[in-house]
Amino acid sequence: YWFSITIRLKVRPIHDQIEPRVSNSNVAKNVVRYLHVHEEDLKYSVGVFVFPPGARIPLHDHPGMCVISYVLYGDLTVRSFDWVENMESSSHQHSKMDGATVDNMQNQGGYFSFTSTAYSWFFGKLGRDDVDAKAHKKTMSCANMEHHQKLRRRRACLVTHQKISSKSATSLYPKKGNIHEFTAGPGGAAVLDVLLPPYDIDNDRDCNFYEVQLPDNKGENDVGATYWLVPIAEPKNFHCVGGAYAGLGE
């Protein structure tokens, strides 16, 4: 697979060339790699997500954050949601309606959770084998269980379902497109991600995963339709592992 970036420049996917390599070949084909570039604490972080063909970052949010995602090569299908603010209720009302929506979350797996900086979650998995990674995720999920148990399902409107390719960018804001997911095309993709500010548990900027509850009369990708988004644990089929960024031109 070759991607044309400009008239004279073509690139090949790099998902299978990142060090350290994922030892489990059955898992490697679905592993999203994260290459940390730079971070200014509490201000912004910059990194690159590298997707194998068909790999996916599941539906997740960015509390109080702005994010710019620029496609370096390949193509991605983007799906994003806005919270329907006027349909939200107090936490007491939610508990009456949806008290069981997060039951057994602790048994479903770990969370896509960050400690004081965005990079630390990825760094914690860098170079670990599958057993160590699971233990690490379990530790972090227990530390953040109280936060996630407070979450309840909320109504959200699907505002974007589109494909973007190299030299295209997508963005989100605290109250616009804040919940999104990426799915790579048949040749994979690489995305430069800038987070303003970074994830930070201590400042209520933890990352939460969601699944979509489909109404009987709506399809999965009906832009403008309203759905229930239910908080879930990190999907078991999602794998994201840190890699080494050598620097520009190296």
C-alpha atoms as a PDB file:
ATOM      1  CA  TYR A   1       0.000   0.000   0.000  1.00  0.00           C
ATOM      2  CA  TRP A   2       1.315   3.450  -0.994  1.00  0.00           C
ATOM      3  CA  PHE A   3      -0.360   6.762  -0.190  1.00  0.00           C
ATOM      4  CA  SER A   4       0.119   9.892  -2.279  1.00  0.00           C
ATOM      5  CA  ILE A   5       0.745  12.855   0.016  1.00  0.00           C
ATOM      6  CA  THR A   6       1.687  15.298  -2.744  1.00  0.00           C
ATOM      7  CA  ILE A   7       2.277  14.952  -6.476  1.00  0.00           C
ATOM      8  CA  ARG A   8       5.880  13.911  -5.848  1.00  0.00           C
ATOM      9  CA  LEU A   9       5.650  12.360  -2.398  1.00  0.00           C
ATOM     10  CA  LYS A  10       4.344   8.910  -1.565  1.00  0.00           C
ATOM     11  CA  VAL A  11       4.555   7.077   1.750  1.00  0.00           C
ATOM     12  CA  ARG A  12       4.106   3.534   2.958  1.00  0.00           C
ATOM     13  CA  PRO A  13       2.179   2.611   6.133  1.00  0.00           C
ATOM     14  CA  ILE A  14       4.394   2.231   9.202  1.00  0.00           C
ATOM     15  CA  HIS A  15       2.135   0.332  11.611  1.00  0.00           C
ATOM     16  CA  ASP A  16       4.301  -2.801  11.381  1.00  0.00           C
ATOM     17  CA  GLN A  17       7.629  -0.947  11.743  1.00  0.00           C
ATOM     18  CA  ILE A  18       7.199   0.744  15.144  1.00  0.00           C
ATOM     19  CA  GLU A  19       9.482  -0.263  18.005  1.00  0.00           C
ATOM     20  CA  PRO A  20       9.014  -2.002  20.336  1.00  0.00           C
ATOM     21  CA  ARG A  21       7.050  -4.411  18.189  1.00  0.00           C
ATOM     22  CA  VAL A  22       3.994  -6.221  19.521  1.00  0.00           C
ATOM     23  CA  SER A  23       5.062  -9.810  20.134  1.00  0.00           C
ATOM     24  CA  ASN A  24       1.621 -11.380  19.810  1.00  0.00           C
ATOM     25  CA  SER A  25       1.025 -11.552  16.046  1.00  0.00           C
ATOM     26  CA  ASN A  26      -2.693 -12.254  16.492  1.00  0.00           C
ATOM     27  CA  VAL A  27      -3.098  -9.028  18.441  1.00  0.00           C
ATOM     28  CA  ALA A  28      -0.628  -6.905  16.451  1.00  0.00           C
ATOM     29  CA  LYS A  29      -2.871  -6.517  13.400  1.00  0.00           C
ATOM     30  CA  ASN A  30      -5.450  -4.654  15.511  1.00  0.00           C
ATOM     31  CA  VAL A  31      -3.124  -2.671  17.775  1.00  0.00           C
ATOM     32  CA  VAL A  32      -3.207   1.113  17.490  1.00  0.00           C
ATOM     33  CA  ARG A  33       0.244   2.563  18.258  1.00  0.00           C
ATOM     34  CA  TYR A  34       0.766   5.901  19.999  1.00  0.00           C
ATOM     35  CA  LEU A  35       3.945   7.910  19.425  1.00  0.00           C
ATOM     36  CA  HIS A  36       4.309  10.659  21.995  1.00  0.00           C
ATOM     37  CA  VAL A  37       5.901  13.813  20.527  1.00  0.00           C
ATOM     38  CA  HIS A  38       5.665  16.563  23.139  1.00  0.00           C
ATOM     39  CA  GLU A  39       3.668  17.838  26.080  1.00  0.00           C
ATOM     40  CA  GLU A  40       3.420  21.034  28.072  1.00  0.00           C
ATOM     41  CA  ASP A  41       1.883  20.018  31.383  1.00  0.00           C
ATOM     42  CA  LEU A  42      -1.708  21.274  31.788  1.00  0.00           C
ATOM     43  CA  LYS A  43      -1.469  23.115  28.444  1.00  0.00           C
ATOM     44  CA  TYR A  44      -1.285  20.735  25.476  1.00  0.00           C
ATOM     45  CA  SER A  45       0.056  17.411  24.252  1.00  0.00           C
ATOM     46  CA  VAL A  46       1.082  16.272  20.778  1.00  0.00           C
ATOM     47  CA  GLY A  47       1.300  12.708  19.531  1.00  0.00           C
ATOM     48  CA  VAL A  48       0.683  10.446  16.563  1.00  0.00           C
ATOM     49  CA  PHE A  49      -1.765   7.555  16.436  1.00  0.00           C
ATOM     50  CA  VAL A  50      -0.825   4.876  13.890  1.00  0.00           C
ATOM     51  CA  PHE A  51      -3.615   2.553  12.768  1.00  0.00           C
ATOM     52  CA  PRO A  52      -3.248  -0.844  11.072  1.00  0.00           C
ATOM     53  CA  PRO A  53      -5.839  -1.514   8.353  1.00  0.00           C
ATOM     54  CA  GLY A  54      -9.342  -1.531   9.810  1.00  0.00           C
ATOM     55  CA  ALA A  55      -8.198  -0.716  13.358  1.00  0.00           C
ATOM     56  CA  ARG A  56     -10.483   1.383  15.513  1.00  0.00           C
ATOM     57  CA  ILE A  57     -10.348   3.731  18.482  1.00  0.00           C
ATOM     58  CA  PRO A  58     -13.774   3.194  20.082  1.00  0.00           C
ATOM     59  CA  LEU A  59     -16.241   5.912  20.992  1.00  0.00           C
ATOM     60  CA  HIS A  60     -14.790   8.084  23.774  1.00  0.00           C
ATOM     61  CA  ASP A  61     -14.999  11.609  25.160  1.00  0.00           C
ATOM     62  CA  HIS A  62     -12.690  14.557  25.919  1.00  0.00           C
ATOM     63  CA  PRO A  63     -14.097  16.407  28.959  1.00  0.00           C
ATOM     64  CA  GLY A  64     -13.494  20.154  28.755  1.00  0.00           C
ATOM     65  CA  MET A  65     -10.951  19.738  25.950  1.00  0.00           C
ATOM     66  CA  CYS A  66     -10.303  20.807  22.380  1.00  0.00           C
ATOM     67  CA  VAL A  67      -8.661  18.356  19.986  1.00  0.00           C
ATOM     68  CA  ILE A  68      -7.278  18.793  16.477  1.00  0.00           C
ATOM     69  CA  SER A  69      -6.642  15.603  14.484  1.00  0.00           C
ATOM     70  CA  TYR A  70      -4.715  15.859  11.210  1.00  0.00           C
ATOM     71  CA  VAL A  71      -4.497  12.815   8.915  1.00  0.00           C
ATOM     72  CA  LEU A  72      -0.893  12.252   7.837  1.00  0.00           C
ATOM     73  CA  TYR A  73      -1.643   9.336   5.512  1.00  0.00           C
ATOM     74  CA  GLY A  74      -4.463   6.910   4.828  1.00  0.00           C
ATOM     75  CA  ASP A  75      -8.113   7.481   5.549  1.00  0.00           C
ATOM     76  CA  LEU A  76     -10.413   7.287   8.555  1.00  0.00           C
ATOM     77  CA  THR A  77     -14.132   7.075   9.124  1.00  0.00           C
ATOM     78  CA  VAL A  78     -15.079   9.576  11.833  1.00  0.00           C
ATOM     79  CA  ARG A  79     -18.231   9.375  13.902  1.00  0.00           C
ATOM     80  CA  SER A  80     -18.899  12.111  16.486  1.00  0.00           C
ATOM     81  CA  PHE A  81     -21.685  13.090  18.866  1.00  0.00           C
ATOM     82  CA  ASP A  82     -22.882  16.152  20.787  1.00  0.00           C
ATOM     83  CA  TRP A  83     -24.535  15.817  24.180  1.00  0.00           C
ATOM     84  CA  VAL A  84     -28.181  16.844  24.060  1.00  0.00           C
ATOM     85  CA  GLU A  85     -27.987  19.342  26.900  1.00  0.00           C
ATOM     86  CA  ASN A  86     -31.682  20.071  27.220  1.00  0.00           C
ATOM     87  CA  MET A  87     -32.437  16.380  27.702  1.00  0.00           C
ATOM     88  CA  GLU A  88     -30.012  15.904  30.559  1.00  0.00           C
ATOM     89  CA  SER A  89     -31.289  15.382  34.083  1.00  0.00           C
ATOM     90  CA  SER A  90     -29.741  15.709  37.482  1.00  0.00           C
ATOM     91  CA  SER A  91     -27.679  12.825  38.771  1.00  0.00           C
ATOM     92  CA  HIS A  92     -30.605  11.891  41.047  1.00  0.00           C
ATOM     93  CA  GLN A  93     -32.973  11.581  38.083  1.00  0.00           C
ATOM     94  CA  HIS A  94     -30.397   9.612  36.135  1.00  0.00           C
ATOM     95  CA  SER A  95     -29.970   7.178  38.998  1.00  0.00           C
ATOM     96  CA  LYS A  96     -33.707   6.462  38.911  1.00  0.00           C
ATOM     97  CA  MET A  97     -33.714   5.914  35.156  1.00  0.00           C
ATOM     98  CA  ASP A  98     -30.389   4.235  34.586  1.00  0.00           C
ATOM     99  CA  GLY A  99     -29.174   2.800  37.845  1.00  0.00           C
ATOM    100  CA  ALA A 100     -28.120  -0.459  36.179  1.00  0.00           C
ATOM    101  CA  THR A 101     -26.378   0.937  33.131  1.00  0.00           C
ATOM    102  CA  VAL A 102     -22.900   0.684  34.623  1.00  0.00           C
ATOM    103  CA  ASP A 103     -23.403  -2.499  36.620  1.00  0.00           C
ATOM    104  CA  ASN A 104     -20.517  -4.947  36.427  1.00  0.00           C
ATOM    105  CA  MET A 105     -18.209  -2.422  34.769  1.00  0.00           C
ATOM    106  CA  GLN A 106     -15.408  -3.581  37.019  1.00  0.00           C
ATOM    107  CA  ASN A 107     -15.680  -7.060  35.500  1.00  0.00           C
ATOM    108  CA  GLN A 108     -15.553  -5.866  31.907  1.00  0.00           C
ATOM    109  CA  GLY A 109     -11.927  -4.776  31.822  1.00  0.00           C
ATOM    110  CA  GLY A 110      -9.775  -1.707  32.351  1.00  0.00           C
ATOM    111  CA  TYR A 111     -10.279   1.879  31.348  1.00  0.00           C
ATOM    112  CA  PHE A 112      -8.551   4.087  28.829  1.00  0.00           C
ATOM    113  CA  SER A 113      -7.328   6.195  31.727  1.00  0.00           C
ATOM    114  CA  PHE A 114      -4.555   8.747  32.097  1.00  0.00           C
ATOM    115  CA  THR A 115      -2.750   9.786  35.255  1.00  0.00           C
ATOM    116  CA  SER A 116      -1.222  13.263  35.544  1.00  0.00           C
ATOM    117  CA  THR A 117      -0.255  13.495  31.873  1.00  0.00           C
ATOM    118  CA  ALA A 118      -1.612  12.155  28.612  1.00  0.00           C
ATOM    119  CA  TYR A 119       1.532  10.153  27.897  1.00  0.00           C
ATOM    120  CA  SER A 120       1.725   8.257  31.163  1.00  0.00           C
ATOM    121  CA  TRP A 121      -1.031   5.798  30.271  1.00  0.00           C
ATOM    122  CA  PHE A 122       0.728   4.800  27.072  1.00  0.00           C
ATOM    123  CA  PHE A 123       4.138   4.829  28.700  1.00  0.00           C
ATOM    124  CA  GLY A 124       2.840   2.459  31.345  1.00  0.00           C
ATOM    125  CA  LYS A 125       2.170  -0.123  28.646  1.00  0.00           C
ATOM    126  CA  LEU A 126       5.372   0.453  26.710  1.00  0.00           C
ATOM    127  CA  GLY A 127       7.365  -2.754  26.473  1.00  0.00           C
ATOM    128  CA  ARG A 128       4.965  -4.754  28.620  1.00  0.00           C
ATOM    129  CA  ASP A 129       3.744  -8.203  27.629  1.00  0.00           C
ATOM    130  CA  ASP A 130       0.030  -9.017  27.621  1.00  0.00           C
ATOM    131  CA  VAL A 131      -0.043 -10.213  31.232  1.00  0.00           C
ATOM    132  CA  ASP A 132       1.705  -7.117  32.578  1.00  0.00           C
ATOM    133  CA  ALA A 133      -0.493  -4.825  30.492  1.00  0.00           C
ATOM    134  CA  LYS A 134      -3.653  -6.411  31.904  1.00  0.00           C
ATOM    135  CA  ALA A 135      -2.372  -6.030  35.452  1.00  0.00           C
ATOM    136  CA  HIS A 136      -1.518  -2.380  34.783  1.00  0.00           C
ATOM    137  CA  LYS A 137      -4.945  -1.676  33.342  1.00  0.00           C
ATOM    138  CA  LYS A 138      -6.645  -3.407  36.289  1.00  0.00           C
ATOM    139  CA  THR A 139      -4.749  -1.227  38.757  1.00  0.00           C
ATOM    140  CA  MET A 140      -5.728   1.950  36.919  1.00  0.00           C
ATOM    141  CA  SER A 141      -9.371   0.868  36.542  1.00  0.00           C
ATOM    142  CA  CYS A 142      -9.684   0.274  40.286  1.00  0.00           C
ATOM    143  CA  ALA A 143      -8.200   3.696  40.991  1.00  0.00           C
ATOM    144  CA  ASN A 144     -10.830   5.335  38.788  1.00  0.00           C
ATOM    145  CA  MET A 145     -13.803   3.091  39.569  1.00  0.00           C
ATOM    146  CA  GLU A 146     -15.470   5.705  41.776  1.00  0.00           C
ATOM    147  CA  HIS A 147     -15.365   8.233  38.914  1.00  0.00           C
ATOM    148  CA  HIS A 148     -16.829   5.861  36.346  1.00  0.00           C
ATOM    149  CA  GLN A 149     -19.554   4.553  38.632  1.00  0.00           C
ATOM    150  CA  LYS A 150     -20.935   8.089  38.831  1.00  0.00           C
ATOM    151  CA  LEU A 151     -21.520   8.151  35.088  1.00  0.00           C
ATOM    152  CA  ARG A 152     -24.956   7.446  33.660  1.00  0.00           C
ATOM    153  CA  ARG A 153     -26.219   7.160  30.142  1.00  0.00           C
ATOM    154  CA  ARG A 154     -27.015  10.414  28.385  1.00  0.00           C
ATOM    155  CA  ARG A 155     -28.725  11.430  25.185  1.00  0.00           C
ATOM    156  CA  ALA A 156     -26.472  12.519  22.343  1.00  0.00           C
ATOM    157  CA  CYS A 157     -26.984  13.628  18.760  1.00  0.00           C
ATOM    158  CA  LEU A 158     -24.907  12.109  15.950  1.00  0.00           C
ATOM    159  CA  VAL A 159     -23.401  15.148  14.232  1.00  0.00           C
ATOM    160  CA  THR A 160     -20.722  13.597  12.003  1.00  0.00           C
ATOM    161  CA  HIS A 161     -20.311  10.391  10.056  1.00  0.00           C
ATOM    162  CA  GLN A 162     -17.766  10.901   7.309  1.00  0.00           C
ATOM    163  CA  LYS A 163     -14.524   9.690   5.783  1.00  0.00           C
ATOM    164  CA  ILE A 164     -11.442  11.910   5.893  1.00  0.00           C
ATOM    165  CA  SER A 165      -8.086  11.312   4.226  1.00  0.00           C
ATOM    166  CA  SER A 166      -4.520  12.646   4.189  1.00  0.00           C
ATOM    167  CA  LYS A 167      -4.146  16.432   4.449  1.00  0.00           C
ATOM    168  CA  SER A 168      -7.579  16.620   6.086  1.00  0.00           C
ATOM    169  CA  ALA A 169      -8.265  17.556   9.684  1.00  0.00           C
ATOM    170  CA  THR A 170     -11.103  17.178  12.124  1.00  0.00           C
ATOM    171  CA  SER A 171     -11.613  18.998  15.400  1.00  0.00           C
ATOM    172  CA  LEU A 172     -13.748  18.846  18.518  1.00  0.00           C
ATOM    173  CA  TYR A 173     -14.559  21.209  21.372  1.00  0.00           C
ATOM    174  CA  PRO A 174     -15.969  20.956  24.908  1.00  0.00           C
ATOM    175  CA  LYS A 175     -19.551  21.219  23.629  1.00  0.00           C
ATOM    176  CA  LYS A 176     -19.150  20.334  19.960  1.00  0.00           C
ATOM    177  CA  GLY A 177     -18.353  16.870  18.620  1.00  0.00           C
ATOM    178  CA  ASN A 178     -16.724  15.982  21.946  1.00  0.00           C
ATOM    179  CA  ILE A 179     -17.484  12.257  21.764  1.00  0.00           C
ATOM    180  CA  HIS A 180     -15.947  10.528  18.739  1.00  0.00           C
ATOM    181  CA  GLU A 181     -14.438   7.371  17.283  1.00  0.00           C
ATOM    182  CA  PHE A 182     -11.994   6.643  14.444  1.00  0.00           C
ATOM    183  CA  THR A 183     -11.914   3.597  12.162  1.00  0.00           C
ATOM    184  CA  ALA A 184      -9.029   3.190   9.703  1.00  0.00           C
ATOM    185  CA  GLY A 185      -9.498   2.269   6.061  1.00  0.00           C
ATOM    186  CA  PRO A 186      -8.024  -0.753   4.231  1.00  0.00           C
ATOM    187  CA  GLY A 187      -4.522   0.753   4.072  1.00  0.00           C
ATOM    188  CA  GLY A 188      -4.355   1.937   7.677  1.00  0.00           C
ATOM    189  CA  ALA A 189      -3.733   5.540   8.712  1.00  0.00           C
ATOM    190  CA  ALA A 190      -1.641   7.883  10.837  1.00  0.00           C
ATOM    191  CA  VAL A 191      -3.111  10.857  12.688  1.00  0.00           C
ATOM    192  CA  LEU A 192      -1.343  13.770  14.363  1.00  0.00           C
ATOM    193  CA  ASP A 193      -3.310  14.570  17.529  1.00  0.00           C
ATOM    194  CA  VAL A 194      -3.108  17.830  19.494  1.00  0.00           C
ATOM    195  CA  LEU A 195      -4.992  17.912  22.818  1.00  0.00           C
ATOM    196  CA  LEU A 196      -5.721  21.244  24.519  1.00  0.00           C
ATOM    197  CA  PRO A 197      -5.336  20.653  27.452  1.00  0.00           C
ATOM    198  CA  PRO A 198      -4.212  17.021  27.893  1.00  0.00           C
ATOM    199  CA  TYR A 199      -6.183  14.350  29.734  1.00  0.00           C
ATOM    200  CA  ASP A 200      -5.719  14.730  33.485  1.00  0.00           C
ATOM    201  CA  ILE A 201      -7.618  12.705  36.075  1.00  0.00           C
ATOM    202  CA  ASP A 202      -6.801  15.167  38.846  1.00  0.00           C
ATOM    203  CA  ASN A 203      -8.592  17.928  36.901  1.00  0.00           C
ATOM    204  CA  ASP A 204     -11.663  15.880  35.925  1.00  0.00           C
ATOM    205  CA  ARG A 205     -10.400  15.188  32.411  1.00  0.00           C
ATOM    206  CA  ASP A 206     -10.511  11.406  32.401  1.00  0.00           C
ATOM    207  CA  CYS A 207     -11.322   9.562  29.183  1.00  0.00           C
ATOM    208  CA  ASN A 208     -14.583   7.604  29.165  1.00  0.00           C
ATOM    209  CA  PHE A 209     -15.757   4.999  26.658  1.00  0.00           C
ATOM    210  CA  TYR A 210     -19.346   4.650  25.465  1.00  0.00           C
ATOM    211  CA  GLU A 211     -21.549   2.331  23.474  1.00  0.00           C
ATOM    212  CA  VAL A 212     -24.510   3.462  21.409  1.00  0.00           C
ATOM    213  CA  GLN A 213     -28.003   2.213  22.187  1.00  0.00           C
ATOM    214  CA  LEU A 214     -29.924   2.164  18.924  1.00  0.00           C
ATOM    215  CA  PRO A 215     -33.602   3.158  18.889  1.00  0.00           C
ATOM    216  CA  ASP A 216     -35.841   0.733  17.029  1.00  0.00           C
ATOM    217  CA  ASN A 217     -36.603   3.254  14.283  1.00  0.00           C
ATOM    218  CA  LYS A 218     -33.033   4.504  13.620  1.00  0.00           C
ATOM    219  CA  GLY A 219     -29.919   3.162  11.951  1.00  0.00           C
ATOM    220  CA  GLU A 220     -26.448   3.232  13.425  1.00  0.00           C
ATOM    221  CA  ASN A 221     -25.266   6.221  11.394  1.00  0.00           C
ATOM    222  CA  ASP A 222     -28.273   8.519  10.995  1.00  0.00           C
ATOM    223  CA  VAL A 223     -26.766  12.004  11.230  1.00  0.00           C
ATOM    224  CA  GLY A 224     -29.059  14.266  13.230  1.00  0.00           C
ATOM    225  CA  ALA A 225     -30.649  11.377  15.120  1.00  0.00           C
ATOM    226  CA  THR A 226     -30.607  11.160  18.910  1.00  0.00           C
ATOM    227  CA  TYR A 227     -29.230   8.122  20.717  1.00  0.00           C
ATOM    228  CA  TRP A 228     -28.485   6.972  24.234  1.00  0.00           C
ATOM    229  CA  LEU A 229     -24.747   6.761  24.995  1.00  0.00           C
ATOM    230  CA  VAL A 230     -23.974   4.310  27.776  1.00  0.00           C
ATOM    231  CA  PRO A 231     -20.629   4.484  29.652  1.00  0.00           C
ATOM    232  CA  ILE A 232     -18.705   1.218  29.458  1.00  0.00           C
ATOM    233  CA  ALA A 233     -15.325  -0.166  30.409  1.00  0.00           C
ATOM    234  CA  GLU A 234     -12.565  -0.142  27.812  1.00  0.00           C
ATOM    235  CA  PRO A 235     -13.625  -2.616  25.074  1.00  0.00           C
ATOM    236  CA  LYS A 236     -11.665  -5.848  25.317  1.00  0.00           C
ATOM    237  CA  ASN A 237     -10.878  -5.790  21.596  1.00  0.00           C
ATOM    238  CA  PHE A 238      -9.224  -2.368  21.789  1.00  0.00           C
ATOM    239  CA  HIS A 239      -5.438  -2.353  22.102  1.00  0.00           C
ATOM    240  CA  CYS A 240      -3.309   0.789  22.150  1.00  0.00           C
ATOM    241  CA  VAL A 241       0.430   0.492  22.797  1.00  0.00           C
ATOM    242  CA  GLY A 242       3.103   3.168  23.043  1.00  0.00           C
ATOM    243  CA  GLY A 243       6.019   3.286  20.627  1.00  0.00           C
ATOM    244  CA  ALA A 244       9.285   5.139  20.244  1.00  0.00           C
ATOM    245  CA  TYR A 245       9.243   8.466  18.398  1.00  0.00           C
ATOM    246  CA  ALA A 246      12.706   9.074  16.923  1.00  0.00           C
ATOM    247  CA  GLY A 247      12.153  12.693  15.910  1.00  0.00           C
ATOM    248  CA  LEU A 248      11.604  14.476  12.639  1.00  0.00           C
ATOM    249  CA  GLY A 249      13.916  13.346   9.840  1.00  0.00           C
ATOM    250  CA  GLU A 250      15.414  10.474  11.829  1.00  0.00           C
END
